[in-house]
Protein backbone atom coordinates (compact mmCIF):
# COMPACT_ATOMS: atom_id res chain seq x y z
CA UNK A 1 0.00 0.00 0.00
CA UNK A 2 0.93 3.56 -0.48
CA UNK A 3 2.32 5.46 2.55
CA UNK A 4 -0.23 8.24 2.08
CA UNK A 5 -3.12 5.79 2.10
CA UNK A 6 -1.83 4.13 5.26
CA UNK A 7 -1.42 7.51 6.96
CA UNK A 8 -4.92 8.56 5.85
CA UNK A 9 -6.37 5.29 7.16
CA UNK A 10 -4.67 5.72 10.54
CA UNK A 11 -5.88 9.34 10.78
CA UNK A 12 -9.44 8.32 9.95
CA UNK A 13 -9.21 5.46 12.44
CA UNK A 14 -8.12 7.89 15.17
CA UNK A 15 -10.89 10.33 14.30
CA UNK A 16 -13.48 7.56 14.38
CA UNK A 17 -12.58 6.47 17.89
CA UNK A 18 -12.19 10.04 19.07
CA UNK A 19 -15.72 10.82 17.87
CA UNK A 20 -17.16 7.59 19.24
CA UNK A 21 -15.79 8.12 22.73
CA UNK A 22 -15.91 11.92 23.08
CA UNK A 23 -19.18 12.53 24.89
CA UNK A 24 -17.68 15.05 27.28
CA UNK A 25 -17.20 17.88 24.80
CA UNK A 26 -20.74 17.54 23.40
CA UNK A 27 -22.35 17.38 26.83
CA UNK A 28 -20.35 20.37 28.06
CA UNK A 29 -21.43 22.47 25.09
CA UNK A 30 -25.08 21.52 25.65
CA UNK A 31 -24.86 22.38 29.35
CA UNK A 32 -23.14 25.68 28.59
CA UNK A 33 -25.80 26.62 26.03
CA UNK A 34 -28.61 25.75 28.43
CA UNK A 35 -27.00 27.68 31.28
CA UNK A 36 -26.66 30.74 29.03
CA UNK A 37 -30.33 30.45 28.09
CA UNK A 38 -31.41 30.16 31.72
CA UNK A 39 -29.24 33.11 32.76
CA UNK A 40 -30.60 35.19 29.88
CA UNK A 41 -34.16 34.44 30.96
CA UNK A 42 -33.35 35.32 34.57
CA UNK A 43 -31.78 38.63 33.60
CA UNK A 44 -34.77 39.38 31.36
CA UNK A 45 -37.10 38.87 34.31
CA UNK A 46 -35.01 41.09 36.57
CA UNK A 47 -33.75 43.80 34.22
CA UNK A 48 -36.18 43.82 31.30
CA UNK A 49 -36.62 47.57 31.65
CA UNK A 50 -33.19 47.97 30.01
CA UNK A 51 -34.84 46.68 26.83
CA UNK A 52 -37.98 48.77 27.34
CA UNK A 53 -40.17 46.12 28.97
CA UNK A 54 -41.86 47.70 32.01
CA UNK A 55 -41.26 45.47 35.02
CA UNK A 56 -42.67 46.71 38.34
CA UNK A 57 -40.22 44.73 40.48
CA UNK A 58 -37.12 46.27 38.91
CA UNK A 59 -36.66 48.47 41.99
CA UNK A 60 -36.14 45.38 44.16
CA UNK A 61 -33.95 43.62 41.63
CA UNK A 62 -31.41 46.46 41.74
CA UNK A 63 -29.80 44.67 44.67
CA UNK A 64 -28.69 41.98 42.19
CA UNK A 65 -27.06 44.49 39.85
CA UNK A 66 -23.52 44.26 41.32
CA UNK A 67 -23.58 40.48 40.89
CA UNK A 68 -24.82 40.54 37.30
CA UNK A 69 -23.21 43.75 36.02
CA UNK A 70 -20.49 42.09 33.94
CA UNK A 71 -23.06 39.89 32.14
CA UNK A 72 -25.40 42.72 31.12
CA UNK A 73 -23.58 43.84 27.95
CA UNK A 74 -23.42 40.34 26.49
CA UNK A 75 -26.98 39.64 27.56
CA UNK A 76 -28.29 42.79 25.94
CA UNK A 77 -26.53 41.95 22.67
CA UNK A 78 -27.78 38.35 22.66
CA UNK A 79 -31.33 39.35 23.54
CA UNK A 80 -31.57 42.13 20.96
CA UNK A 81 -30.33 39.78 18.22
CA UNK A 82 -33.01 37.14 18.94
CA UNK A 83 -35.75 36.91 16.37
CA UNK A 84 -38.29 35.06 18.46
CA UNK A 85 -37.82 33.75 21.98
CA UNK A 86 -40.90 31.53 21.62
CA UNK A 87 -39.60 30.12 18.37
CA UNK A 88 -36.33 29.18 20.05
CA UNK A 89 -37.97 27.59 23.07
CA UNK A 90 -40.85 25.75 21.38
CA UNK A 91 -39.50 25.25 17.86
CA UNK A 92 -38.44 21.66 18.51
CA UNK A 93 -41.91 20.49 19.56
CA UNK A 94 -43.78 20.89 16.22
CA UNK A 95 -46.91 22.51 17.66
CA UNK A 96 -48.34 23.65 14.32
CA UNK A 97 -52.03 22.89 14.12
PDB file of N, CA and C in Angstrom:
ATOM      1  N   UNK A   1       0.825  -1.186   0.000  1.00  0.00           N
ATOM      2  CA  UNK A   1       0.000   0.000   0.000  1.00  0.00           C
ATOM      3  C   UNK A   1       0.866   1.245   0.000  1.00  0.00           C
ATOM      4  N   UNK A   2       0.260   2.276  -0.421  1.00  0.00           N
ATOM      5  CA  UNK A   2       0.929   3.563  -0.481  1.00  0.00           C
ATOM      6  C   UNK A   2       1.036   4.163   0.921  1.00  0.00           C
ATOM      7  N   UNK A   3       2.123   4.870   1.221  1.00  0.00           N
ATOM      8  CA  UNK A   3       2.317   5.459   2.554  1.00  0.00           C
ATOM      9  C   UNK A   3       1.236   6.488   2.858  1.00  0.00           C
ATOM     10  N   UNK A   4       0.803   7.227   1.856  1.00  0.00           N
ATOM     11  CA  UNK A   4      -0.228   8.245   2.082  1.00  0.00           C
ATOM     12  C   UNK A   4      -1.565   7.599   2.444  1.00  0.00           C
ATOM     13  N   UNK A   5      -1.869   6.479   1.800  1.00  0.00           N
ATOM     14  CA  UNK A   5      -3.117   5.788   2.098  1.00  0.00           C
ATOM     15  C   UNK A   5      -3.101   5.198   3.501  1.00  0.00           C
ATOM     16  N   UNK A   6      -1.957   4.674   3.910  1.00  0.00           N
ATOM     17  CA  UNK A   6      -1.834   4.130   5.262  1.00  0.00           C
ATOM     18  C   UNK A   6      -1.976   5.242   6.289  1.00  0.00           C
ATOM     19  N   UNK A   7      -1.317   6.375   6.037  1.00  0.00           N
ATOM     20  CA  UNK A   7      -1.418   7.514   6.958  1.00  0.00           C
ATOM     21  C   UNK A   7      -2.849   8.033   7.017  1.00  0.00           C
ATOM     22  N   UNK A   8      -3.530   8.111   5.889  1.00  0.00           N
ATOM     23  CA  UNK A   8      -4.921   8.564   5.855  1.00  0.00           C
ATOM     24  C   UNK A   8      -5.826   7.585   6.609  1.00  0.00           C
ATOM     25  N   UNK A   9      -5.581   6.295   6.440  1.00  0.00           N
ATOM     26  CA  UNK A   9      -6.372   5.291   7.156  1.00  0.00           C
ATOM     27  C   UNK A   9      -6.185   5.414   8.660  1.00  0.00           C
ATOM     28  N   UNK A  10      -4.949   5.588   9.097  1.00  0.00           N
ATOM     29  CA  UNK A  10      -4.674   5.723  10.536  1.00  0.00           C
ATOM     30  C   UNK A  10      -5.314   6.990  11.083  1.00  0.00           C
ATOM     31  N   UNK A  11      -5.242   8.098  10.330  1.00  0.00           N
ATOM     32  CA  UNK A  11      -5.882   9.340  10.779  1.00  0.00           C
ATOM     33  C   UNK A  11      -7.394   9.179  10.882  1.00  0.00           C
ATOM     34  N   UNK A  12      -7.995   8.545   9.890  1.00  0.00           N
ATOM     35  CA  UNK A  12      -9.440   8.317   9.945  1.00  0.00           C
ATOM     36  C   UNK A  12      -9.820   7.381  11.078  1.00  0.00           C
ATOM     37  N   UNK A  13      -8.987   6.396  11.351  1.00  0.00           N
ATOM     38  CA  UNK A  13      -9.211   5.456  12.440  1.00  0.00           C
ATOM     39  C   UNK A  13      -9.187   6.194  13.782  1.00  0.00           C
ATOM     40  N   UNK A  14      -8.210   7.088  13.955  1.00  0.00           N
ATOM     41  CA  UNK A  14      -8.121   7.888  15.174  1.00  0.00           C
ATOM     42  C   UNK A  14      -9.338   8.790  15.332  1.00  0.00           C
ATOM     43  N   UNK A  15      -9.738   9.442  14.243  1.00  0.00           N
ATOM     44  CA  UNK A  15     -10.887  10.333  14.296  1.00  0.00           C
ATOM     45  C   UNK A  15     -12.175   9.575  14.618  1.00  0.00           C
ATOM     46  N   UNK A  16     -12.301   8.363  14.094  1.00  0.00           N
ATOM     47  CA  UNK A  16     -13.480   7.556  14.379  1.00  0.00           C
ATOM     48  C   UNK A  16     -13.595   7.267  15.870  1.00  0.00           C
ATOM     49  N   UNK A  17     -12.518   6.799  16.470  1.00  0.00           N
ATOM     50  CA  UNK A  17     -12.579   6.468  17.890  1.00  0.00           C
ATOM     51  C   UNK A  17     -12.642   7.706  18.773  1.00  0.00           C
ATOM     52  N   UNK A  18     -12.072   8.800  18.314  1.00  0.00           N
ATOM     53  CA  UNK A  18     -12.190  10.038  19.072  1.00  0.00           C
ATOM     54  C   UNK A  18     -13.642  10.503  19.075  1.00  0.00           C
ATOM     55  N   UNK A  19     -14.316  10.429  17.935  1.00  0.00           N
ATOM     56  CA  UNK A  19     -15.718  10.820  17.869  1.00  0.00           C
ATOM     57  C   UNK A  19     -16.632   9.862  18.596  1.00  0.00           C
ATOM     58  N   UNK A  20     -16.309   8.583  18.585  1.00  0.00           N
ATOM     59  CA  UNK A  20     -17.160   7.588  19.238  1.00  0.00           C
ATOM     60  C   UNK A  20     -17.065   7.641  20.753  1.00  0.00           C
ATOM     61  N   UNK A  21     -15.963   8.121  21.287  1.00  0.00           N
ATOM     62  CA  UNK A  21     -15.787   8.124  22.735  1.00  0.00           C
ATOM     63  C   UNK A  21     -15.813   9.511  23.354  1.00  0.00           C
ATOM     64  N   UNK A  22     -16.000  10.552  22.559  1.00  0.00           N
ATOM     65  CA  UNK A  22     -15.915  11.917  23.079  1.00  0.00           C
ATOM     66  C   UNK A  22     -17.299  12.472  23.379  1.00  0.00           C
ATOM     67  N   UNK A  23     -17.891  12.015  24.471  1.00  0.00           N
ATOM     68  CA  UNK A  23     -19.184  12.527  24.890  1.00  0.00           C
ATOM     69  C   UNK A  23     -19.027  13.798  25.714  1.00  0.00           C
ATOM     70  N   UNK A  24     -17.888  13.968  26.334  1.00  0.00           N
ATOM     71  CA  UNK A  24     -17.677  15.051  27.278  1.00  0.00           C
ATOM     72  C   UNK A  24     -17.799  16.414  26.612  1.00  0.00           C
ATOM     73  N   UNK A  25     -17.178  16.584  25.464  1.00  0.00           N
ATOM     74  CA  UNK A  25     -17.198  17.879  24.803  1.00  0.00           C
ATOM     75  C   UNK A  25     -18.610  18.243  24.357  1.00  0.00           C
ATOM     76  N   UNK A  26     -19.361  17.281  23.848  1.00  0.00           N
ATOM     77  CA  UNK A  26     -20.736  17.540  23.402  1.00  0.00           C
ATOM     78  C   UNK A  26     -21.631  17.875  24.585  1.00  0.00           C
ATOM     79  N   UNK A  27     -21.502  17.125  25.667  1.00  0.00           N
ATOM     80  CA  UNK A  27     -22.352  17.385  26.825  1.00  0.00           C
ATOM     81  C   UNK A  27     -22.008  18.725  27.468  1.00  0.00           C
ATOM     82  N   UNK A  28     -20.726  19.079  27.499  1.00  0.00           N
ATOM     83  CA  UNK A  28     -20.348  20.373  28.060  1.00  0.00           C
ATOM     84  C   UNK A  28     -20.911  21.509  27.237  1.00  0.00           C
ATOM     85  N   UNK A  29     -20.897  21.393  25.925  1.00  0.00           N
ATOM     86  CA  UNK A  29     -21.432  22.467  25.090  1.00  0.00           C
ATOM     87  C   UNK A  29     -22.938  22.591  25.254  1.00  0.00           C
ATOM     88  N   UNK A  30     -23.639  21.466  25.412  1.00  0.00           N
ATOM     89  CA  UNK A  30     -25.082  21.521  25.648  1.00  0.00           C
ATOM     90  C   UNK A  30     -25.397  22.154  26.995  1.00  0.00           C
ATOM     91  N   UNK A  31     -24.645  21.797  28.027  1.00  0.00           N
ATOM     92  CA  UNK A  31     -24.861  22.385  29.345  1.00  0.00           C
ATOM     93  C   UNK A  31     -24.545  23.879  29.349  1.00  0.00           C
ATOM     94  N   UNK A  32     -23.496  24.267  28.651  1.00  0.00           N
ATOM     95  CA  UNK A  32     -23.136  25.677  28.586  1.00  0.00           C
ATOM     96  C   UNK A  32     -24.216  26.479  27.871  1.00  0.00           C
ATOM     97  N   UNK A  33     -24.732  25.945  26.771  1.00  0.00           N
ATOM     98  CA  UNK A  33     -25.800  26.625  26.032  1.00  0.00           C
ATOM     99  C   UNK A  33     -27.050  26.759  26.887  1.00  0.00           C
ATOM    100  N   UNK A  34     -27.422  25.700  27.583  1.00  0.00           N
ATOM    101  CA  UNK A  34     -28.605  25.749  28.430  1.00  0.00           C
ATOM    102  C   UNK A  34     -28.420  26.700  29.601  1.00  0.00           C
ATOM    103  N   UNK A  35     -27.225  26.748  30.177  1.00  0.00           N
ATOM    104  CA  UNK A  35     -26.996  27.678  31.283  1.00  0.00           C
ATOM    105  C   UNK A  35     -27.046  29.125  30.806  1.00  0.00           C
ATOM    106  N   UNK A  36     -26.551  29.390  29.593  1.00  0.00           N
ATOM    107  CA  UNK A  36     -26.657  30.743  29.031  1.00  0.00           C
ATOM    108  C   UNK A  36     -28.125  31.110  28.805  1.00  0.00           C
ATOM    109  N   UNK A  37     -28.913  30.173  28.309  1.00  0.00           N
ATOM    110  CA  UNK A  37     -30.334  30.450  28.092  1.00  0.00           C
ATOM    111  C   UNK A  37     -31.056  30.735  29.404  1.00  0.00           C
ATOM    112  N   UNK A  38     -30.771  29.945  30.422  1.00  0.00           N
ATOM    113  CA  UNK A  38     -31.411  30.164  31.721  1.00  0.00           C
ATOM    114  C   UNK A  38     -30.987  31.498  32.334  1.00  0.00           C
ATOM    115  N   UNK A  39     -29.712  31.833  32.218  1.00  0.00           N
ATOM    116  CA  UNK A  39     -29.236  33.109  32.762  1.00  0.00           C
ATOM    117  C   UNK A  39     -29.838  34.277  31.997  1.00  0.00           C
ATOM    118  N   UNK A  40     -29.976  34.138  30.681  1.00  0.00           N
ATOM    119  CA  UNK A  40     -30.596  35.192  29.884  1.00  0.00           C
ATOM    120  C   UNK A  40     -32.047  35.406  30.289  1.00  0.00           C
ATOM    121  N   UNK A  41     -32.765  34.322  30.527  1.00  0.00           N
ATOM    122  CA  UNK A  41     -34.156  34.440  30.958  1.00  0.00           C
ATOM    123  C   UNK A  41     -34.258  35.083  32.338  1.00  0.00           C
ATOM    124  N   UNK A  42     -33.351  34.730  33.226  1.00  0.00           N
ATOM    125  CA  UNK A  42     -33.353  35.321  34.573  1.00  0.00           C
ATOM    126  C   UNK A  42     -33.078  36.816  34.513  1.00  0.00           C
ATOM    127  N   UNK A  43     -32.095  37.211  33.714  1.00  0.00           N
ATOM    128  CA  UNK A  43     -31.779  38.630  33.602  1.00  0.00           C
ATOM    129  C   UNK A  43     -32.934  39.381  32.949  1.00  0.00           C
ATOM    130  N   UNK A  44     -33.610  38.749  31.991  1.00  0.00           N
ATOM    131  CA  UNK A  44     -34.766  39.382  31.361  1.00  0.00           C
ATOM    132  C   UNK A  44     -35.870  39.625  32.386  1.00  0.00           C
ATOM    133  N   UNK A  45     -36.083  38.676  33.282  1.00  0.00           N
ATOM    134  CA  UNK A  45     -37.101  38.868  34.314  1.00  0.00           C
ATOM    135  C   UNK A  45     -36.721  39.963  35.303  1.00  0.00           C
ATOM    136  N   UNK A  46     -35.446  40.095  35.585  1.00  0.00           N
ATOM    137  CA  UNK A  46     -35.009  41.093  36.569  1.00  0.00           C
ATOM    138  C   UNK A  46     -34.780  42.475  35.967  1.00  0.00           C
ATOM    139  N   UNK A  47     -34.167  42.526  34.785  1.00  0.00           N
ATOM    140  CA  UNK A  47     -33.753  43.799  34.221  1.00  0.00           C
ATOM    141  C   UNK A  47     -34.321  44.021  32.825  1.00  0.00           C
ATOM    142  N   UNK A  48     -35.555  43.631  32.597  1.00  0.00           N
ATOM    143  CA  UNK A  48     -36.182  43.820  31.303  1.00  0.00           C
ATOM    144  C   UNK A  48     -36.405  45.277  30.950  1.00  0.00           C
ATOM    145  N   UNK A  49     -36.407  46.154  31.938  1.00  0.00           N
ATOM    146  CA  UNK A  49     -36.616  47.565  31.653  1.00  0.00           C
ATOM    147  C   UNK A  49     -35.452  48.174  30.871  1.00  0.00           C
ATOM    148  N   UNK A  50     -34.309  47.510  30.848  1.00  0.00           N
ATOM    149  CA  UNK A  50     -33.189  47.969  30.013  1.00  0.00           C
ATOM    150  C   UNK A  50     -33.571  47.871  28.545  1.00  0.00           C
ATOM    151  N   UNK A  51     -34.387  46.870  28.208  1.00  0.00           N
ATOM    152  CA  UNK A  51     -34.841  46.681  26.834  1.00  0.00           C
ATOM    153  C   UNK A  51     -36.145  47.404  26.544  1.00  0.00           C
ATOM    154  N   UNK A  52     -36.733  48.047  27.539  1.00  0.00           N
ATOM    155  CA  UNK A  52     -37.978  48.768  27.340  1.00  0.00           C
ATOM    156  C   UNK A  52     -39.201  48.010  27.791  1.00  0.00           C
ATOM    157  N   UNK A  53     -39.036  46.891  28.446  1.00  0.00           N
ATOM    158  CA  UNK A  53     -40.166  46.123  28.967  1.00  0.00           C
ATOM    159  C   UNK A  53     -40.432  46.607  30.391  1.00  0.00           C
ATOM    160  N   UNK A  54     -41.605  47.186  30.648  1.00  0.00           N
ATOM    161  CA  UNK A  54     -41.865  47.696  32.008  1.00  0.00           C
ATOM    162  C   UNK A  54     -42.056  46.553  33.003  1.00  0.00           C
ATOM    163  N   UNK A  55     -41.191  46.498  33.985  1.00  0.00           N
ATOM    164  CA  UNK A  55     -41.261  45.468  35.018  1.00  0.00           C
ATOM    165  C   UNK A  55     -41.354  46.172  36.371  1.00  0.00           C
ATOM    166  N   UNK A  56     -42.465  45.970  37.089  1.00  0.00           N
ATOM    167  CA  UNK A  56     -42.665  46.708  38.341  1.00  0.00           C
ATOM    168  C   UNK A  56     -41.714  46.318  39.460  1.00  0.00           C
ATOM    169  N   UNK A  57     -41.108  45.154  39.395  1.00  0.00           N
ATOM    170  CA  UNK A  57     -40.218  44.729  40.475  1.00  0.00           C
ATOM    171  C   UNK A  57     -38.765  45.110  40.227  1.00  0.00           C
ATOM    172  N   UNK A  58     -38.508  45.937  39.224  1.00  0.00           N
ATOM    173  CA  UNK A  58     -37.122  46.273  38.913  1.00  0.00           C
ATOM    174  C   UNK A  58     -36.448  47.052  40.041  1.00  0.00           C
ATOM    175  N   UNK A  59     -37.233  47.761  40.856  1.00  0.00           N
ATOM    176  CA  UNK A  59     -36.657  48.473  41.991  1.00  0.00           C
ATOM    177  C   UNK A  59     -36.013  47.497  42.972  1.00  0.00           C
ATOM    178  N   UNK A  60     -36.653  46.361  43.208  1.00  0.00           N
ATOM    179  CA  UNK A  60     -36.140  45.380  44.155  1.00  0.00           C
ATOM    180  C   UNK A  60     -35.003  44.547  43.563  1.00  0.00           C
ATOM    181  N   UNK A  61     -35.009  44.417  42.266  1.00  0.00           N
ATOM    182  CA  UNK A  61     -33.949  43.623  41.632  1.00  0.00           C
ATOM    183  C   UNK A  61     -32.649  44.401  41.475  1.00  0.00           C
ATOM    184  N   UNK A  62     -32.639  45.685  41.814  1.00  0.00           N
ATOM    185  CA  UNK A  62     -31.406  46.461  41.736  1.00  0.00           C
ATOM    186  C   UNK A  62     -30.345  45.959  42.708  1.00  0.00           C
ATOM    187  N   UNK A  63     -30.766  45.238  43.743  1.00  0.00           N
ATOM    188  CA  UNK A  63     -29.797  44.667  44.674  1.00  0.00           C
ATOM    189  C   UNK A  63     -28.939  43.604  43.999  1.00  0.00           C
ATOM    190  N   UNK A  64     -29.441  42.999  42.923  1.00  0.00           N
ATOM    191  CA  UNK A  64     -28.690  41.983  42.192  1.00  0.00           C
ATOM    192  C   UNK A  64     -27.729  42.581  41.168  1.00  0.00           C
ATOM    193  N   UNK A  65     -27.850  43.856  40.903  1.00  0.00           N
ATOM    194  CA  UNK A  65     -27.057  44.489  39.849  1.00  0.00           C
ATOM    195  C   UNK A  65     -25.547  44.328  40.016  1.00  0.00           C
ATOM    196  N   UNK A  66     -24.964  44.472  41.213  1.00  0.00           N
ATOM    197  CA  UNK A  66     -23.516  44.264  41.321  1.00  0.00           C
ATOM    198  C   UNK A  66     -23.070  42.846  40.975  1.00  0.00           C
ATOM    199  N   UNK A  67     -23.943  41.870  41.182  1.00  0.00           N
ATOM    200  CA  UNK A  67     -23.581  40.482  40.892  1.00  0.00           C
ATOM    201  C   UNK A  67     -23.696  40.141  39.410  1.00  0.00           C
ATOM    202  N   UNK A  68     -24.530  40.869  38.689  1.00  0.00           N
ATOM    203  CA  UNK A  68     -24.816  40.544  37.302  1.00  0.00           C
ATOM    204  C   UNK A  68     -24.251  41.584  36.340  1.00  0.00           C
ATOM    205  N   UNK A  69     -23.615  42.607  36.851  1.00  0.00           N
ATOM    206  CA  UNK A  69     -23.213  43.748  36.018  1.00  0.00           C
ATOM    207  C   UNK A  69     -22.324  43.358  34.843  1.00  0.00           C
ATOM    208  N   UNK A  70     -21.398  42.432  35.030  1.00  0.00           N
ATOM    209  CA  UNK A  70     -20.495  42.088  33.936  1.00  0.00           C
ATOM    210  C   UNK A  70     -21.193  41.286  32.839  1.00  0.00           C
ATOM    211  N   UNK A  71     -22.326  40.675  33.139  1.00  0.00           N
ATOM    212  CA  UNK A  71     -23.059  39.888  32.143  1.00  0.00           C
ATOM    213  C   UNK A  71     -24.057  40.713  31.345  1.00  0.00           C
ATOM    214  N   UNK A  72     -24.331  41.952  31.750  1.00  0.00           N
ATOM    215  CA  UNK A  72     -25.397  42.720  31.117  1.00  0.00           C
ATOM    216  C   UNK A  72     -25.108  43.090  29.666  1.00  0.00           C
ATOM    217  N   UNK A  73     -23.875  43.444  29.336  1.00  0.00           N
ATOM    218  CA  UNK A  73     -23.577  43.835  27.951  1.00  0.00           C
ATOM    219  C   UNK A  73     -23.763  42.671  26.991  1.00  0.00           C
ATOM    220  N   UNK A  74     -23.241  41.513  27.340  1.00  0.00           N
ATOM    221  CA  UNK A  74     -23.416  40.338  26.493  1.00  0.00           C
ATOM    222  C   UNK A  74     -24.864  39.902  26.422  1.00  0.00           C
ATOM    223  N   UNK A  75     -25.564  40.004  27.539  1.00  0.00           N
ATOM    224  CA  UNK A  75     -26.978  39.636  27.558  1.00  0.00           C
ATOM    225  C   UNK A  75     -27.796  40.546  26.664  1.00  0.00           C
ATOM    226  N   UNK A  76     -27.529  41.842  26.741  1.00  0.00           N
ATOM    227  CA  UNK A  76     -28.294  42.794  25.935  1.00  0.00           C
ATOM    228  C   UNK A  76     -28.058  42.540  24.443  1.00  0.00           C
ATOM    229  N   UNK A  77     -26.828  42.242  24.071  1.00  0.00           N
ATOM    230  CA  UNK A  77     -26.528  41.951  22.668  1.00  0.00           C
ATOM    231  C   UNK A  77     -27.207  40.667  22.216  1.00  0.00           C
ATOM    232  N   UNK A  78     -27.142  39.624  23.034  1.00  0.00           N
ATOM    233  CA  UNK A  78     -27.778  38.354  22.663  1.00  0.00           C
ATOM    234  C   UNK A  78     -29.292  38.484  22.585  1.00  0.00           C
ATOM    235  N   UNK A  79     -29.888  39.223  23.507  1.00  0.00           N
ATOM    236  CA  UNK A  79     -31.334  39.349  23.543  1.00  0.00           C
ATOM    237  C   UNK A  79     -31.847  40.211  22.399  1.00  0.00           C
ATOM    238  N   UNK A  80     -31.134  41.260  22.059  1.00  0.00           N
ATOM    239  CA  UNK A  80     -31.568  42.128  20.961  1.00  0.00           C
ATOM    240  C   UNK A  80     -31.425  41.431  19.610  1.00  0.00           C
ATOM    241  N   UNK A  81     -30.524  40.458  19.499  1.00  0.00           N
ATOM    242  CA  UNK A  81     -30.333  39.778  18.222  1.00  0.00           C
ATOM    243  C   UNK A  81     -31.278  38.594  18.044  1.00  0.00           C
ATOM    244  N   UNK A  82     -32.047  38.243  19.065  1.00  0.00           N
ATOM    245  CA  UNK A  82     -33.007  37.143  18.944  1.00  0.00           C
ATOM    246  C   UNK A  82     -34.161  37.562  18.041  1.00  0.00           C
ATOM    247  N   UNK A  83     -34.589  36.635  17.211  1.00  0.00           N
ATOM    248  CA  UNK A  83     -35.745  36.911  16.367  1.00  0.00           C
ATOM    249  C   UNK A  83     -37.036  36.613  17.114  1.00  0.00           C
ATOM    250  N   UNK A  84     -37.096  35.454  17.725  1.00  0.00           N
ATOM    251  CA  UNK A  84     -38.293  35.063  18.455  1.00  0.00           C
ATOM    252  C   UNK A  84     -37.880  34.137  19.598  1.00  0.00           C
ATOM    253  N   UNK A  85     -38.145  34.571  20.818  1.00  0.00           N
ATOM    254  CA  UNK A  85     -37.824  33.748  21.977  1.00  0.00           C
ATOM    255  C   UNK A  85     -38.710  32.511  21.989  1.00  0.00           C
ATOM    256  N   UNK A  86     -39.980  32.675  21.631  1.00  0.00           N
ATOM    257  CA  UNK A  86     -40.899  31.534  21.620  1.00  0.00           C
ATOM    258  C   UNK A  86     -40.497  30.530  20.558  1.00  0.00           C
ATOM    259  N   UNK A  87     -40.036  31.032  19.418  1.00  0.00           N
ATOM    260  CA  UNK A  87     -39.595  30.123  18.371  1.00  0.00           C
ATOM    261  C   UNK A  87     -38.391  29.302  18.786  1.00  0.00           C
ATOM    262  N   UNK A  88     -37.500  29.906  19.561  1.00  0.00           N
ATOM    263  CA  UNK A  88     -36.328  29.176  20.050  1.00  0.00           C
ATOM    264  C   UNK A  88     -36.711  28.129  21.087  1.00  0.00           C
ATOM    265  N   UNK A  89     -37.615  28.493  21.977  1.00  0.00           N
ATOM    266  CA  UNK A  89     -37.970  27.592  23.071  1.00  0.00           C
ATOM    267  C   UNK A  89     -38.869  26.449  22.617  1.00  0.00           C
ATOM    268  N   UNK A  90     -39.838  26.734  21.741  1.00  0.00           N
ATOM    269  CA  UNK A  90     -40.852  25.747  21.379  1.00  0.00           C
ATOM    270  C   UNK A  90     -40.711  25.249  19.956  1.00  0.00           C
ATOM    271  N   UNK A  91     -39.663  25.648  19.249  1.00  0.00           N
ATOM    272  CA  UNK A  91     -39.499  25.253  17.864  1.00  0.00           C
ATOM    273  C   UNK A  91     -39.261  23.764  17.661  1.00  0.00           C
ATOM    274  N   UNK A  92     -38.749  23.079  18.647  1.00  0.00           N
ATOM    275  CA  UNK A  92     -38.443  21.659  18.514  1.00  0.00           C
ATOM    276  C   UNK A  92     -39.666  20.762  18.699  1.00  0.00           C
ATOM    277  N   UNK A  93     -40.783  21.315  19.172  1.00  0.00           N
ATOM    278  CA  UNK A  93     -41.909  20.486  19.560  1.00  0.00           C
ATOM    279  C   UNK A  93     -42.981  20.330  18.467  1.00  0.00           C
ATOM    280  N   UNK A  94     -42.855  21.039  17.354  1.00  0.00           N
ATOM    281  CA  UNK A  94     -43.779  20.895  16.221  1.00  0.00           C
ATOM    282  C   UNK A  94     -45.231  21.051  16.670  1.00  0.00           C
ATOM    283  N   UNK A  95     -45.569  22.252  17.146  1.00  0.00           N
ATOM    284  CA  UNK A  95     -46.908  22.508  17.664  1.00  0.00           C
ATOM    285  C   UNK A  95     -47.839  23.132  16.628  1.00  0.00           C
ATOM    286  N   UNK A  96     -47.475  23.081  15.369  1.00  0.00           N
ATOM    287  CA  UNK A  96     -48.337  23.647  14.325  1.00  0.00           C
ATOM    288  C   UNK A  96     -49.629  22.849  14.237  1.00  0.00           C
ATOM    289  N   UNK A  97     -50.735  23.571  14.184  1.00  0.00           N
ATOM    290  CA  UNK A  97     -52.034  22.886  14.120  1.00  0.00           C
ATOM    291  C   UNK A  97     -52.433  22.582  12.691  1.00  0.00           C
TER     292      UNK A  97
END
